N, C-alpha and C. Protein backbone atom coordinates (compact mmCIF):
# COMPACT_ATOMS: atom_id res chain seq x y z
N MET A 1 37.26 -37.33 -46.08
CA MET A 1 36.93 -35.93 -45.82
C MET A 1 36.65 -35.76 -44.32
N VAL A 2 37.12 -34.68 -43.75
CA VAL A 2 36.94 -34.38 -42.33
C VAL A 2 35.69 -33.54 -42.15
N THR A 3 34.85 -33.91 -41.20
CA THR A 3 33.65 -33.13 -40.93
C THR A 3 34.03 -31.86 -40.17
N PRO A 4 33.29 -30.78 -40.39
CA PRO A 4 33.61 -29.53 -39.69
C PRO A 4 33.49 -29.68 -38.18
N ALA A 5 34.38 -29.02 -37.47
CA ALA A 5 34.39 -29.10 -36.01
C ALA A 5 33.31 -28.22 -35.39
N ARG A 6 32.88 -27.25 -36.10
CA ARG A 6 31.89 -26.31 -35.56
C ARG A 6 30.48 -26.68 -35.99
N THR A 7 29.55 -26.45 -35.13
CA THR A 7 28.15 -26.67 -35.46
C THR A 7 27.71 -25.59 -36.43
N PRO A 8 26.96 -25.94 -37.47
CA PRO A 8 26.51 -24.92 -38.41
C PRO A 8 25.57 -23.92 -37.74
N LEU A 9 25.60 -22.72 -38.25
CA LEU A 9 24.74 -21.65 -37.72
C LEU A 9 23.29 -21.98 -38.00
N ARG A 10 22.46 -21.91 -36.97
CA ARG A 10 21.02 -22.15 -37.12
C ARG A 10 20.29 -20.84 -36.88
N THR A 11 19.64 -20.36 -37.91
CA THR A 11 18.97 -19.07 -37.80
C THR A 11 17.78 -19.10 -36.86
N ASP A 12 17.23 -20.27 -36.57
CA ASP A 12 16.10 -20.34 -35.65
C ASP A 12 16.53 -20.12 -34.20
N ARG A 13 17.82 -20.08 -33.95
CA ARG A 13 18.32 -19.84 -32.59
C ARG A 13 18.81 -18.42 -32.38
N LEU A 14 18.74 -17.59 -33.40
CA LEU A 14 19.16 -16.20 -33.27
C LEU A 14 18.08 -15.39 -32.58
N ARG A 15 18.49 -14.42 -31.78
CA ARG A 15 17.54 -13.53 -31.14
C ARG A 15 18.15 -12.14 -31.04
N ALA A 16 17.32 -11.16 -31.02
CA ALA A 16 17.78 -9.79 -30.91
C ALA A 16 18.35 -9.54 -29.52
N VAL A 17 19.40 -8.77 -29.46
CA VAL A 17 20.01 -8.39 -28.19
C VAL A 17 19.54 -6.98 -27.85
N ASN A 18 19.12 -6.79 -26.62
CA ASN A 18 18.69 -5.48 -26.14
C ASN A 18 17.52 -4.92 -26.96
N GLU A 19 16.56 -5.77 -27.23
CA GLU A 19 15.38 -5.37 -28.00
C GLU A 19 14.53 -4.40 -27.17
N PRO A 20 14.04 -3.32 -27.78
CA PRO A 20 13.20 -2.37 -27.04
C PRO A 20 11.94 -3.04 -26.48
N GLN A 21 11.58 -2.69 -25.26
CA GLN A 21 10.39 -3.21 -24.60
C GLN A 21 9.39 -2.07 -24.41
N PRO A 22 8.10 -2.29 -24.69
CA PRO A 22 7.12 -1.22 -24.52
C PRO A 22 6.95 -0.85 -23.04
N VAL A 23 6.78 0.44 -22.80
CA VAL A 23 6.53 0.95 -21.45
C VAL A 23 5.46 2.02 -21.52
N THR A 24 4.96 2.39 -20.35
CA THR A 24 4.05 3.54 -20.24
C THR A 24 4.83 4.67 -19.59
N VAL A 25 4.54 5.87 -20.01
CA VAL A 25 5.16 7.06 -19.43
C VAL A 25 4.05 8.00 -19.02
N GLU A 26 4.07 8.40 -17.75
CA GLU A 26 3.06 9.31 -17.23
C GLU A 26 3.75 10.53 -16.64
N PHE A 27 3.08 11.67 -16.79
CA PHE A 27 3.58 12.93 -16.24
C PHE A 27 2.57 13.43 -15.22
N ASP A 28 3.05 13.86 -14.04
CA ASP A 28 2.13 14.42 -13.06
C ASP A 28 1.98 15.91 -13.30
N GLU A 29 1.22 16.58 -12.45
CA GLU A 29 0.93 18.01 -12.65
C GLU A 29 2.18 18.88 -12.60
N SER A 30 3.24 18.42 -11.94
CA SER A 30 4.48 19.20 -11.88
C SER A 30 5.42 18.87 -13.04
N GLY A 31 5.04 17.89 -13.87
CA GLY A 31 5.87 17.51 -15.01
C GLY A 31 6.82 16.36 -14.72
N ALA A 32 6.78 15.81 -13.50
CA ALA A 32 7.64 14.67 -13.16
C ALA A 32 7.20 13.45 -13.95
N MET A 33 8.16 12.69 -14.43
CA MET A 33 7.91 11.57 -15.31
C MET A 33 8.05 10.25 -14.54
N THR A 34 7.07 9.34 -14.74
CA THR A 34 7.11 8.01 -14.15
C THR A 34 7.01 6.99 -15.28
N ILE A 35 7.87 5.97 -15.22
CA ILE A 35 7.92 4.94 -16.25
C ILE A 35 7.37 3.64 -15.65
N GLY A 36 6.50 2.98 -16.40
CA GLY A 36 5.90 1.73 -15.93
C GLY A 36 5.79 0.72 -17.05
N ARG A 37 5.41 -0.48 -16.68
CA ARG A 37 5.17 -1.54 -17.67
C ARG A 37 3.68 -1.56 -18.00
N PRO A 38 3.33 -1.79 -19.26
CA PRO A 38 1.91 -1.90 -19.59
C PRO A 38 1.26 -3.02 -18.77
N ASN A 39 0.20 -2.71 -18.07
CA ASN A 39 -0.52 -3.68 -17.24
C ASN A 39 0.40 -4.35 -16.22
N GLY A 40 1.37 -3.60 -15.72
CA GLY A 40 2.32 -4.18 -14.76
C GLY A 40 2.82 -3.14 -13.77
N PRO A 41 3.87 -3.49 -13.04
CA PRO A 41 4.37 -2.60 -12.00
C PRO A 41 5.10 -1.39 -12.57
N THR A 42 5.23 -0.37 -11.74
CA THR A 42 5.99 0.82 -12.09
C THR A 42 7.47 0.49 -12.08
N ILE A 43 8.19 0.96 -13.09
CA ILE A 43 9.64 0.78 -13.14
C ILE A 43 10.30 1.79 -12.22
N GLY A 44 9.83 3.04 -12.28
CA GLY A 44 10.38 4.05 -11.39
C GLY A 44 10.07 5.46 -11.82
N LYS A 45 10.33 6.37 -10.90
CA LYS A 45 10.15 7.79 -11.15
C LYS A 45 11.48 8.37 -11.61
N VAL A 46 11.44 9.20 -12.63
CA VAL A 46 12.66 9.79 -13.18
C VAL A 46 13.16 10.88 -12.25
N GLU A 47 14.41 10.72 -11.83
CA GLU A 47 15.06 11.70 -10.96
C GLU A 47 15.72 12.80 -11.78
N SER A 48 16.39 12.39 -12.88
CA SER A 48 17.03 13.39 -13.74
C SER A 48 17.18 12.84 -15.16
N ILE A 49 17.27 13.75 -16.10
CA ILE A 49 17.50 13.42 -17.51
C ILE A 49 18.95 13.80 -17.83
N LEU A 50 19.73 12.81 -18.24
CA LEU A 50 21.14 13.05 -18.52
C LEU A 50 21.37 13.60 -19.91
N GLU A 51 20.63 13.06 -20.88
CA GLU A 51 20.86 13.44 -22.26
C GLU A 51 19.60 13.21 -23.08
N THR A 52 19.41 14.00 -24.11
CA THR A 52 18.31 13.80 -25.06
C THR A 52 18.87 13.86 -26.47
N TRP A 53 18.28 13.09 -27.38
CA TRP A 53 18.65 13.16 -28.78
C TRP A 53 17.50 12.63 -29.62
N ARG A 54 17.57 12.92 -30.91
CA ARG A 54 16.50 12.52 -31.81
C ARG A 54 17.11 11.84 -33.04
N ILE A 55 16.41 10.81 -33.53
CA ILE A 55 16.84 10.11 -34.73
C ILE A 55 15.70 10.13 -35.73
N ASP A 56 16.01 10.60 -36.93
CA ASP A 56 15.09 10.55 -38.07
C ASP A 56 15.86 9.86 -39.19
N ASP A 57 15.39 8.68 -39.60
CA ASP A 57 16.19 7.90 -40.53
C ASP A 57 15.30 7.01 -41.41
N GLU A 58 15.91 6.52 -42.46
CA GLU A 58 15.33 5.54 -43.38
C GLU A 58 14.01 5.98 -44.00
N TRP A 59 13.89 7.23 -44.33
CA TRP A 59 12.67 7.75 -44.92
C TRP A 59 12.37 7.08 -46.26
N TRP A 60 13.39 6.53 -46.91
CA TRP A 60 13.19 5.89 -48.22
C TRP A 60 12.63 4.47 -48.11
N ARG A 61 12.73 3.82 -46.93
CA ARG A 61 12.21 2.47 -46.75
C ARG A 61 11.05 2.45 -45.75
N HIS A 62 11.40 2.66 -44.51
CA HIS A 62 10.42 2.63 -43.42
C HIS A 62 10.80 3.75 -42.47
N MET A 63 9.99 4.75 -42.42
CA MET A 63 10.29 5.95 -41.63
C MET A 63 10.56 5.62 -40.17
N ILE A 64 11.65 6.16 -39.63
CA ILE A 64 11.98 6.05 -38.22
C ILE A 64 12.14 7.47 -37.69
N ALA A 65 11.35 7.80 -36.68
CA ALA A 65 11.46 9.10 -36.02
C ALA A 65 11.30 8.84 -34.52
N ARG A 66 12.39 9.02 -33.78
CA ARG A 66 12.39 8.72 -32.35
C ARG A 66 13.05 9.83 -31.55
N ALA A 67 12.50 10.08 -30.36
CA ALA A 67 13.09 11.01 -29.40
C ALA A 67 13.57 10.19 -28.21
N TYR A 68 14.88 10.19 -27.96
CA TYR A 68 15.50 9.39 -26.90
C TYR A 68 15.79 10.24 -25.68
N LEU A 69 15.69 9.60 -24.51
CA LEU A 69 16.07 10.22 -23.23
C LEU A 69 16.91 9.21 -22.45
N GLU A 70 18.06 9.63 -21.99
CA GLU A 70 18.82 8.82 -21.05
C GLU A 70 18.50 9.38 -19.67
N VAL A 71 17.93 8.54 -18.80
CA VAL A 71 17.42 9.02 -17.52
C VAL A 71 18.04 8.25 -16.35
N ILE A 72 18.00 8.89 -15.20
CA ILE A 72 18.35 8.25 -13.93
C ILE A 72 17.06 8.17 -13.12
N LEU A 73 16.73 6.96 -12.67
CA LEU A 73 15.55 6.78 -11.83
C LEU A 73 15.90 7.00 -10.37
N GLU A 74 14.89 7.24 -9.55
CA GLU A 74 15.13 7.30 -8.11
C GLU A 74 15.77 5.99 -7.68
N GLY A 75 16.84 6.04 -6.96
CA GLY A 75 17.57 4.84 -6.58
C GLY A 75 18.82 4.64 -7.41
N GLY A 76 18.98 5.41 -8.51
CA GLY A 76 20.22 5.40 -9.27
C GLY A 76 20.27 4.55 -10.53
N LYS A 77 19.21 3.83 -10.85
CA LYS A 77 19.22 3.01 -12.06
C LYS A 77 19.18 3.90 -13.30
N ARG A 78 20.00 3.55 -14.30
CA ARG A 78 20.07 4.32 -15.53
C ARG A 78 19.34 3.57 -16.64
N LEU A 79 18.50 4.28 -17.40
CA LEU A 79 17.73 3.70 -18.50
C LEU A 79 17.78 4.61 -19.72
N VAL A 80 17.53 4.02 -20.86
CA VAL A 80 17.31 4.79 -22.08
C VAL A 80 15.88 4.51 -22.50
N VAL A 81 15.08 5.56 -22.60
CA VAL A 81 13.70 5.44 -23.08
C VAL A 81 13.57 6.25 -24.35
N PHE A 82 12.68 5.81 -25.23
CA PHE A 82 12.43 6.61 -26.42
C PHE A 82 10.97 6.55 -26.78
N GLN A 83 10.53 7.62 -27.43
CA GLN A 83 9.17 7.69 -27.93
C GLN A 83 9.22 7.60 -29.45
N ASP A 84 8.45 6.66 -29.99
CA ASP A 84 8.28 6.58 -31.43
C ASP A 84 7.39 7.76 -31.82
N LEU A 85 7.95 8.71 -32.53
CA LEU A 85 7.22 9.94 -32.84
C LEU A 85 6.15 9.75 -33.90
N ILE A 86 6.14 8.59 -34.55
CA ILE A 86 5.11 8.30 -35.54
C ILE A 86 3.88 7.71 -34.85
N THR A 87 4.09 6.76 -33.93
CA THR A 87 2.97 6.10 -33.25
C THR A 87 2.66 6.71 -31.89
N GLY A 88 3.62 7.41 -31.29
CA GLY A 88 3.44 7.97 -29.96
C GLY A 88 3.75 6.99 -28.84
N GLN A 89 4.09 5.75 -29.18
CA GLN A 89 4.37 4.72 -28.17
C GLN A 89 5.78 4.90 -27.58
N TRP A 90 5.90 4.55 -26.28
CA TRP A 90 7.17 4.64 -25.56
C TRP A 90 7.79 3.25 -25.41
N PHE A 91 9.15 3.22 -25.40
CA PHE A 91 9.90 1.99 -25.24
C PHE A 91 11.09 2.23 -24.31
N VAL A 92 11.60 1.16 -23.73
CA VAL A 92 12.78 1.23 -22.88
C VAL A 92 13.84 0.29 -23.42
N GLN A 93 15.10 0.70 -23.31
CA GLN A 93 16.24 -0.15 -23.63
C GLN A 93 17.27 0.03 -22.53
N MET A 94 17.96 -1.05 -22.20
CA MET A 94 19.03 -0.95 -21.22
C MET A 94 20.24 -0.32 -21.92
N PRO A 95 20.92 0.60 -21.27
CA PRO A 95 22.08 1.26 -21.92
C PRO A 95 23.25 0.30 -22.06
């Protein structure tokens, strides 16, 4: 019998790709939005919002309610941030 040429899949080596990371979102008196890391440096100030959308899903298992924003930061970096509308916590994902 010939042994398989491929290494068997090991589930302990799997990891999520583009997993959401928690961030802080602050608004100044003019409504300008700044995104930062919890207990860390500021990621950047939002220059413009390109798109917004909302997802409400899986109410039969585990409720998901999120408000997404695709933003451009000062300097041109593009990010996707979302607020978990159940907990109020903000997260960032790379587009």
